[in-house]
Amino acid sequence: MTDHQIAEVAALSWIVELPRDLGLEEDLGPLLINNQLELDGWSGRYEELPEWSEGQPDGVPVKRLRFRRAYVDIGMPTAATDIAFGDLRRLEGTEKRAYEKGLRKRIKAGAKEWKTVCQLTRWYAGDLIPDPPEDALNPEESSPIRTDFVGMLNDLDLWLQAYGVSSGQVDIGSLALHDLPALVPWVVNVAASPDSRPTVRSGMLPIHARMPDLLPAEGNIAASRAASLLMVQGPEAFPFFLPLSLLYQAQGHSLAGRGRQAVIDMGTAVESLVSTTIKEAMRVRDHSPEQIEAVFEKQWKTIFNRVLLETLGIEIGAGSAAHSKWWAEAYKMRTAVVHAGAPVTSEKSERAVARTWSLFEWIGERLRTQDDLVPLGEAIRLQRPAS
């Protein structure tokens, strides 16, 4: 690009409905996150820059948040309960018909609620302008429409956390993906110069798989009976239930975009699994309560890297990759989150949870190689859930 060449500029925006109405004035903004990139030909022409407005500082902006509000229709909040358990009213004849007619009217009328909507915008110039995705309704993994959305969502997270702290509202803060609609609209405005008419492209970005249940789900009768059995006998009758449920929670948090909570639950799941494995194995091998208690007075590093391996019949230092990689990667991440509040991307939390599933599977396999511990190994033989 020469000193006198006017750069092509593009503005990529994502439109996100927030889970809470912030109660801010209409069309608040723009909130400028950064302002850089002095470009020839654009100075003083920001009213013609795509998705911009008059009176902004010099330079092409890099990122911006902008908030608006809308008052929208929602369904009747208790429609499902009134339909599913309306028979509890024991109505008959004209009373039943009157109830059903009134219910239909209330469902049709619905209710209204306030929504705060945020426009996340990022600007690009010259060769950095993103190429159009092959599928506008599902951009590829490498597309900036998908990858840069993550960065913009982090910026929105930081703003919401600061707003929640400043306003004293504890229920306003960092977002999880499941807090947002499954599909996020995106729009790209591209202008070759301040005098040219912008080219507009748009589409949708799927950000998670939690969609409305438009079709009935398929239940699992065996699982419902197992859950009822646990309720009757109590969780203490199933010693591996706690670590397994914590790992399932960790994966759920990871899929929802709650990376920090996923890593915390992941670490707790492993501590619970290792402790339960050692305790139950020592009981099977007739160790006294005092001997068991003495083991857990040792440091966690020793318990994980020595006592666990001895329990599984493995020489010290000869553990599997599942064991060593969990310690080197996943536990290191857990320590950074717990002690320093380190941020965790969805990709990192997913990798840590995958490492943990591999560790669970390896411990189960090793238990099943010990003749006296086979029942313990069978107790943690569970299918890894779909990601």
Protein backbone atom coordinates (compact mmCIF):
# COMPACT_ATOMS: atom_id res chain seq x y z
CA MET A 1 0.00 0.00 0.00
CA THR A 2 1.46 3.42 -0.99
CA ASP A 3 1.16 6.56 1.12
CA HIS A 4 -1.66 7.86 -1.11
CA GLN A 5 -3.60 4.63 -1.63
CA ILE A 6 -6.94 4.52 0.13
CA ALA A 7 -7.41 1.28 2.02
CA GLU A 8 -10.50 -0.87 1.77
CA VAL A 9 -12.17 -1.08 5.17
CA ALA A 10 -14.65 -3.60 6.55
CA ALA A 11 -16.78 -3.72 9.71
CA LEU A 12 -17.83 -7.16 10.99
CA SER A 13 -20.66 -7.13 13.54
CA TRP A 14 -22.27 -9.84 15.65
CA ILE A 15 -25.65 -9.21 17.31
CA VAL A 16 -26.10 -10.85 20.72
CA GLU A 17 -29.16 -10.96 22.99
CA LEU A 18 -28.04 -10.74 26.62
CA PRO A 19 -29.69 -12.98 29.24
CA ARG A 20 -30.46 -9.97 31.46
CA ASP A 21 -31.82 -6.53 30.62
CA LEU A 22 -29.24 -4.00 31.78
CA GLY A 23 -31.80 -1.20 31.98
CA LEU A 24 -29.56 1.25 30.12
CA GLU A 25 -30.87 4.06 27.95
CA GLU A 26 -31.93 3.38 24.37
CA ASP A 27 -29.12 3.01 21.83
CA LEU A 28 -26.34 3.45 24.37
CA GLY A 29 -22.93 3.73 22.75
CA PRO A 30 -20.76 3.48 20.99
CA LEU A 31 -18.31 2.23 23.60
CA LEU A 32 -14.95 2.37 21.85
CA ILE A 33 -12.58 -0.37 23.03
CA ASN A 34 -9.62 0.68 20.89
CA ASN A 35 -8.76 3.26 18.26
CA GLN A 36 -5.83 2.70 15.92
CA LEU A 37 -4.78 2.40 12.27
CA GLU A 38 -4.46 5.90 10.79
CA LEU A 39 -5.38 5.44 7.12
CA ASP A 40 -5.10 7.88 4.25
CA GLY A 41 -8.42 9.14 2.94
CA TRP A 42 -10.50 8.22 5.98
CA SER A 43 -9.71 11.16 8.27
CA GLY A 44 -12.83 13.22 8.96
CA ARG A 45 -15.04 10.81 6.98
CA TYR A 46 -16.18 8.49 9.77
CA GLU A 47 -19.84 9.16 9.11
CA GLU A 48 -19.32 7.13 5.92
CA LEU A 49 -17.27 4.34 7.48
CA PRO A 50 -19.44 1.18 7.60
CA GLU A 51 -21.42 0.90 10.83
CA TRP A 52 -19.98 4.18 12.20
CA SER A 53 -21.31 7.60 13.08
CA GLU A 54 -20.24 11.24 13.21
CA GLY A 55 -18.04 12.88 15.80
CA GLN A 56 -15.65 10.00 16.49
CA PRO A 57 -11.88 10.39 17.06
CA ASP A 58 -9.38 10.13 14.24
CA GLY A 59 -8.21 6.74 13.05
CA VAL A 60 -10.07 3.61 12.12
CA PRO A 61 -11.54 1.99 15.25
CA VAL A 62 -10.57 -1.59 16.04
CA LYS A 63 -13.42 -2.80 18.26
CA ARG A 64 -16.68 -1.44 19.64
CA LEU A 65 -19.60 -2.46 21.86
CA ARG A 66 -23.02 -0.90 21.34
CA PHE A 67 -26.18 -1.60 23.36
CA ARG A 68 -29.86 -1.24 22.51
CA ARG A 69 -33.07 -2.39 24.18
CA ALA A 70 -36.26 -4.02 22.92
CA TYR A 71 -39.60 -4.94 24.49
CA VAL A 72 -40.57 -8.33 23.08
CA ASP A 73 -43.19 -11.03 23.38
CA ILE A 74 -42.47 -14.22 25.31
CA GLY A 75 -44.58 -17.28 25.91
CA MET A 76 -46.75 -17.76 28.96
CA PRO A 77 -44.18 -18.78 31.64
CA THR A 78 -46.36 -21.51 33.21
CA ALA A 79 -47.87 -22.90 30.00
CA ALA A 80 -46.08 -26.26 30.19
CA THR A 81 -46.96 -26.84 33.85
CA ASP A 82 -50.58 -25.83 33.39
CA ILE A 83 -50.94 -28.20 30.44
CA ALA A 84 -48.96 -31.14 31.85
CA PHE A 85 -50.50 -31.12 35.33
CA GLY A 86 -53.80 -29.33 34.75
CA ASP A 87 -55.60 -32.58 35.59
CA LEU A 88 -54.61 -32.10 39.24
CA ARG A 89 -57.40 -29.54 39.49
CA ARG A 90 -59.91 -32.42 39.12
CA LEU A 91 -62.20 -30.33 36.92
CA GLU A 92 -65.12 -31.88 35.07
CA GLY A 93 -67.81 -30.79 32.64
CA THR A 94 -68.28 -27.07 32.11
CA GLU A 95 -65.56 -26.20 34.63
CA LYS A 96 -63.01 -28.25 32.69
CA ARG A 97 -64.03 -26.71 29.36
CA ALA A 98 -63.87 -23.20 30.85
CA TYR A 99 -60.40 -23.90 32.27
CA GLU A 100 -59.10 -25.21 28.92
CA LYS A 101 -60.55 -22.23 27.03
CA GLY A 102 -59.04 -19.76 29.50
CA LEU A 103 -55.67 -21.54 29.31
CA ARG A 104 -55.64 -21.26 25.51
CA LYS A 105 -56.38 -17.52 25.76
CA ARG A 106 -53.59 -16.95 28.32
CA ILE A 107 -51.08 -18.89 26.23
CA LYS A 108 -52.02 -16.93 23.10
CA ALA A 109 -51.74 -13.60 24.92
CA GLY A 110 -48.33 -14.51 26.36
CA ALA A 111 -46.28 -11.86 28.14
CA LYS A 112 -43.62 -9.28 27.36
CA GLU A 113 -40.11 -8.69 28.66
CA TRP A 114 -37.27 -6.22 28.15
CA LYS A 115 -34.16 -7.42 26.31
CA THR A 116 -30.76 -5.75 26.04
CA VAL A 117 -29.04 -6.48 22.74
CA CYS A 118 -25.35 -5.86 22.11
CA GLN A 119 -23.70 -5.19 18.77
CA LEU A 120 -20.09 -6.41 18.82
CA THR A 121 -18.13 -4.80 15.97
CA ARG A 122 -14.57 -5.30 14.79
CA TRP A 123 -12.93 -3.35 11.94
CA TYR A 124 -10.43 -4.61 9.38
CA ALA A 125 -8.39 -2.87 6.68
CA GLY A 126 -6.67 -4.00 3.49
CA ASP A 127 -5.45 -7.60 3.39
CA LEU A 128 -6.82 -8.30 6.86
CA ILE A 129 -10.44 -8.14 5.68
CA PRO A 130 -11.99 -11.62 6.18
CA ASP A 131 -12.95 -13.67 3.15
CA PRO A 132 -16.65 -14.55 2.90
CA PRO A 133 -17.39 -17.96 4.46
CA GLU A 134 -18.37 -20.83 2.16
CA ASP A 135 -21.52 -21.35 4.23
CA ALA A 136 -23.06 -18.11 5.52
CA LEU A 137 -25.24 -20.07 7.96
CA ASN A 138 -22.36 -22.10 9.44
CA PRO A 139 -18.96 -20.43 8.89
CA GLU A 140 -15.97 -22.77 8.91
CA GLU A 141 -13.89 -23.17 12.08
CA SER A 142 -11.02 -21.05 10.71
CA SER A 143 -13.22 -18.14 9.59
CA PRO A 144 -12.69 -14.86 11.50
CA ILE A 145 -16.46 -14.72 11.74
CA ARG A 146 -16.11 -17.59 14.20
CA THR A 147 -12.63 -17.09 15.70
CA ASP A 148 -12.87 -13.32 16.22
CA PHE A 149 -16.30 -13.70 17.79
CA VAL A 150 -14.59 -15.48 20.70
CA GLY A 151 -12.31 -12.48 21.26
CA MET A 152 -15.19 -10.02 21.07
CA LEU A 153 -17.21 -12.15 23.51
CA ASN A 154 -14.27 -11.98 25.92
CA ASP A 155 -14.36 -8.18 25.64
CA LEU A 156 -18.09 -8.18 26.36
CA ASP A 157 -17.48 -10.50 29.32
CA LEU A 158 -14.96 -8.07 30.79
CA TRP A 159 -17.35 -5.12 30.31
CA LEU A 160 -20.24 -7.01 31.94
CA GLN A 161 -18.08 -8.05 34.90
CA ALA A 162 -17.00 -4.43 35.40
CA TYR A 163 -20.60 -3.23 35.05
CA GLY A 164 -21.85 -5.81 37.55
CA VAL A 165 -19.21 -4.84 40.11
CA SER A 166 -19.74 -1.10 39.58
CA SER A 167 -23.54 -1.35 39.81
CA GLY A 168 -23.54 -3.82 42.71
CA GLN A 169 -25.52 -6.45 40.74
CA VAL A 170 -24.11 -9.90 41.45
CA ASP A 171 -26.22 -11.58 38.76
CA ILE A 172 -24.58 -9.59 35.96
CA GLY A 173 -21.18 -10.85 34.90
CA SER A 174 -19.36 -13.26 32.65
CA LEU A 175 -21.43 -15.03 29.99
CA ALA A 176 -21.56 -18.71 29.14
CA LEU A 177 -22.41 -19.77 25.60
CA HIS A 178 -25.61 -21.41 26.84
CA ASP A 179 -26.69 -18.03 28.23
CA LEU A 180 -26.98 -16.83 24.63
CA PRO A 181 -29.21 -17.90 21.72
CA ALA A 182 -27.79 -20.84 19.76
CA LEU A 183 -27.58 -18.73 16.58
CA VAL A 184 -25.90 -15.31 16.45
CA PRO A 185 -26.58 -13.05 13.42
CA TRP A 186 -23.49 -11.52 11.77
CA VAL A 187 -23.16 -8.70 9.22
CA VAL A 188 -20.11 -7.52 7.24
CA ASN A 189 -20.02 -4.04 5.65
CA VAL A 190 -17.13 -3.51 3.20
CA ALA A 191 -16.25 -0.13 1.63
CA ALA A 192 -13.46 0.36 -0.89
CA SER A 193 -13.31 4.05 0.04
CA PRO A 194 -15.28 6.59 2.09
CA ASP A 195 -17.14 7.60 -1.09
CA SER A 196 -18.11 4.10 -2.21
CA ARG A 197 -21.34 2.31 -1.43
CA PRO A 198 -20.69 -0.47 1.13
CA THR A 199 -21.14 -4.10 0.16
CA VAL A 200 -23.14 -5.95 2.77
CA ARG A 201 -23.01 -9.67 3.56
CA SER A 202 -24.81 -11.42 6.41
CA GLY A 203 -25.49 -14.81 7.90
CA MET A 204 -25.83 -16.76 11.13
CA LEU A 205 -23.18 -18.20 13.44
CA PRO A 206 -24.09 -21.34 15.43
CA ILE A 207 -22.31 -21.09 18.80
CA HIS A 208 -23.74 -24.09 20.69
CA ALA A 209 -26.09 -27.01 20.21
CA ARG A 210 -28.73 -26.18 22.82
CA MET A 211 -31.73 -25.59 20.57
CA PRO A 212 -35.43 -25.49 21.47
CA ASP A 213 -36.92 -28.99 21.63
CA LEU A 214 -38.90 -28.83 18.39
CA LEU A 215 -39.08 -32.64 18.35
CA PRO A 216 -39.70 -34.88 21.37
CA ALA A 217 -36.54 -36.26 22.99
CA GLU A 218 -35.94 -40.00 23.35
CA GLY A 219 -35.81 -40.93 27.02
CA ASN A 220 -33.67 -43.65 28.61
CA ILE A 221 -35.79 -45.93 30.77
CA ALA A 222 -32.79 -47.84 32.14
CA ALA A 223 -31.15 -44.58 33.19
CA SER A 224 -34.30 -43.41 34.95
CA ARG A 225 -34.42 -46.68 36.91
CA ALA A 226 -30.74 -46.32 37.84
CA ALA A 227 -31.39 -42.79 39.06
CA SER A 228 -34.35 -43.99 41.14
CA LEU A 229 -32.20 -46.78 42.62
CA LEU A 230 -29.56 -44.24 43.66
CA MET A 231 -32.25 -42.10 45.30
CA VAL A 232 -33.57 -45.12 47.25
CA GLN A 233 -30.19 -46.48 48.38
CA GLY A 234 -28.45 -43.12 48.72
CA PRO A 235 -25.30 -41.83 46.97
CA GLU A 236 -23.08 -43.42 49.62
CA ALA A 237 -23.98 -46.84 48.21
CA PHE A 238 -22.26 -45.86 44.97
CA PRO A 239 -18.82 -44.52 45.95
CA PHE A 240 -17.83 -43.51 42.42
CA PHE A 241 -20.99 -41.52 41.78
CA LEU A 242 -19.56 -38.23 43.09
CA PRO A 243 -16.39 -38.16 40.90
CA LEU A 244 -18.37 -39.25 37.84
CA SER A 245 -21.09 -36.65 38.39
CA LEU A 246 -18.44 -33.95 38.88
CA LEU A 247 -16.78 -34.91 35.60
CA TYR A 248 -20.12 -34.80 33.80
CA GLN A 249 -20.70 -31.35 35.30
CA ALA A 250 -17.26 -30.27 34.12
CA GLN A 251 -18.03 -31.34 30.57
CA GLY A 252 -21.39 -29.59 30.74
CA HIS A 253 -19.73 -26.35 31.88
CA SER A 254 -17.14 -26.67 29.12
CA LEU A 255 -19.78 -27.12 26.42
CA ALA A 256 -21.69 -24.15 27.83
CA GLY A 257 -18.60 -21.94 27.66
CA ARG A 258 -18.02 -21.75 31.43
CA GLY A 259 -14.32 -22.59 31.16
CA ARG A 260 -13.20 -21.70 34.68
CA GLN A 261 -15.97 -23.70 36.35
CA ALA A 262 -15.27 -26.64 34.03
CA VAL A 263 -11.62 -26.73 35.11
CA ILE A 264 -12.50 -26.40 38.81
CA ASP A 265 -15.02 -29.27 38.65
CA MET A 266 -12.55 -31.31 36.59
CA GLY A 267 -9.90 -30.98 39.29
CA THR A 268 -12.35 -31.83 42.06
CA ALA A 269 -13.55 -34.86 40.07
CA VAL A 270 -10.01 -36.27 39.84
CA GLU A 271 -9.26 -35.63 43.52
CA SER A 272 -12.51 -37.41 44.41
CA LEU A 273 -11.80 -40.32 42.03
CA VAL A 274 -8.24 -40.84 43.24
CA SER A 275 -9.25 -40.64 46.91
CA THR A 276 -12.18 -43.03 46.40
CA THR A 277 -10.05 -45.49 44.41
CA ILE A 278 -7.35 -45.63 47.08
CA LYS A 279 -9.81 -45.83 50.01
CA GLU A 280 -11.96 -48.57 48.44
CA ALA A 281 -8.89 -50.58 47.37
CA MET A 282 -7.39 -50.37 50.85
CA ARG A 283 -10.70 -51.52 52.38
CA VAL A 284 -10.82 -54.48 49.99
CA ARG A 285 -7.25 -55.31 51.05
CA ASP A 286 -8.17 -55.17 54.75
CA HIS A 287 -6.25 -52.04 55.71
CA SER A 288 -7.31 -50.49 58.98
CA PRO A 289 -9.08 -47.11 59.17
CA GLU A 290 -5.94 -45.70 60.79
CA GLN A 291 -3.79 -46.85 57.86
CA ILE A 292 -6.22 -45.33 55.38
CA GLU A 293 -6.30 -42.05 57.28
CA ALA A 294 -2.49 -41.92 57.37
CA VAL A 295 -2.30 -42.11 53.58
CA PHE A 296 -4.38 -38.95 53.17
CA GLU A 297 -2.15 -36.96 55.48
CA LYS A 298 0.38 -36.95 52.64
CA GLN A 299 0.62 -34.18 50.03
CA TRP A 300 -1.65 -34.43 47.01
CA LYS A 301 1.37 -34.69 44.69
CA THR A 302 2.53 -37.79 46.55
CA ILE A 303 -0.94 -39.31 46.61
CA PHE A 304 -1.42 -38.84 42.86
CA ASN A 305 2.07 -39.77 41.66
CA ARG A 306 2.98 -42.51 44.17
CA VAL A 307 0.09 -43.92 46.22
CA LEU A 308 -2.29 -44.15 43.25
CA LEU A 309 0.30 -45.95 41.11
CA GLU A 310 1.10 -48.38 43.95
CA THR A 311 -2.63 -49.07 44.37
CA LEU A 312 -2.93 -49.86 40.66
CA GLY A 313 0.12 -52.16 40.72
CA ILE A 314 2.39 -49.83 38.73
CA GLU A 315 6.00 -48.98 39.45
CA ILE A 316 6.66 -45.38 40.47
CA GLY A 317 7.40 -43.29 37.37
CA ALA A 318 5.95 -45.91 35.03
CA GLY A 319 2.44 -44.48 34.76
CA SER A 320 0.68 -44.09 31.43
CA ALA A 321 0.49 -40.99 29.22
CA ALA A 322 -3.06 -40.44 30.53
CA HIS A 323 -1.67 -40.15 34.05
CA SER A 324 1.39 -38.00 33.31
CA LYS A 325 -0.31 -35.66 30.82
CA TRP A 326 -3.19 -34.97 33.16
CA TRP A 327 -0.73 -33.91 35.85
CA ALA A 328 1.43 -31.84 33.49
CA GLU A 329 -1.39 -30.09 31.63
CA ALA A 330 -4.82 -30.33 33.25
CA TYR A 331 -3.72 -30.04 36.87
CA LYS A 332 -1.42 -27.14 35.99
CA MET A 333 -4.43 -25.38 34.42
CA ARG A 334 -6.56 -26.11 37.47
CA THR A 335 -3.91 -24.58 39.75
CA ALA A 336 -3.74 -21.42 37.63
CA VAL A 337 -7.54 -21.05 37.76
CA VAL A 338 -7.95 -21.74 41.49
CA HIS A 339 -5.00 -19.71 42.73
CA ALA A 340 -4.69 -16.93 40.15
CA GLY A 341 -8.15 -16.72 38.54
CA ALA A 342 -6.63 -17.41 35.13
CA PRO A 343 -9.01 -17.17 32.15
CA VAL A 344 -9.83 -20.38 30.30
CA THR A 345 -10.94 -20.58 26.68
CA SER A 346 -13.50 -23.16 25.58
CA GLU A 347 -10.79 -24.95 23.60
CA LYS A 348 -8.55 -25.25 26.67
CA SER A 349 -11.34 -26.43 28.94
CA GLU A 350 -12.46 -29.02 26.38
CA ARG A 351 -8.91 -30.35 26.12
CA ALA A 352 -8.56 -30.52 29.91
CA VAL A 353 -11.87 -32.37 30.27
CA ALA A 354 -10.85 -34.80 27.50
CA ARG A 355 -7.59 -35.46 29.38
CA THR A 356 -9.64 -36.19 32.49
CA TRP A 357 -11.89 -38.67 30.71
CA SER A 358 -8.78 -40.47 29.50
CA LEU A 359 -7.48 -40.59 33.09
CA PHE A 360 -10.80 -41.98 34.39
CA GLU A 361 -10.81 -44.65 31.67
CA TRP A 362 -7.20 -45.61 32.39
CA ILE A 363 -7.81 -45.95 36.15
CA GLY A 364 -10.82 -48.17 35.44
CA GLU A 365 -8.80 -50.34 33.08
CA ARG A 366 -5.98 -50.70 35.61
CA LEU A 367 -8.39 -51.64 38.40
CA ARG A 368 -9.84 -54.39 36.20
CA THR A 369 -6.35 -55.92 35.83
CA GLN A 370 -6.15 -56.44 39.61
CA ASP A 371 -8.04 -59.62 40.53
CA ASP A 372 -9.21 -58.23 43.87
CA LEU A 373 -10.22 -54.84 42.44
CA VAL A 374 -12.24 -55.87 39.37
CA PRO A 375 -15.59 -54.80 40.92
CA LEU A 376 -14.15 -51.32 41.52
CA GLY A 377 -13.04 -51.12 37.91
CA GLU A 378 -16.46 -52.16 36.69
CA ALA A 379 -18.04 -49.45 38.82
CA ILE A 380 -16.39 -46.70 36.73
CA ARG A 381 -16.95 -48.33 33.34
CA LEU A 382 -19.15 -45.58 31.87
CA GLN A 383 -19.48 -44.36 28.32
CA ARG A 384 -17.92 -40.97 27.69
CA PRO A 385 -20.75 -38.52 26.82
CA ALA A 386 -20.90 -36.94 23.39
CA SER A 387 -19.23 -33.53 23.18
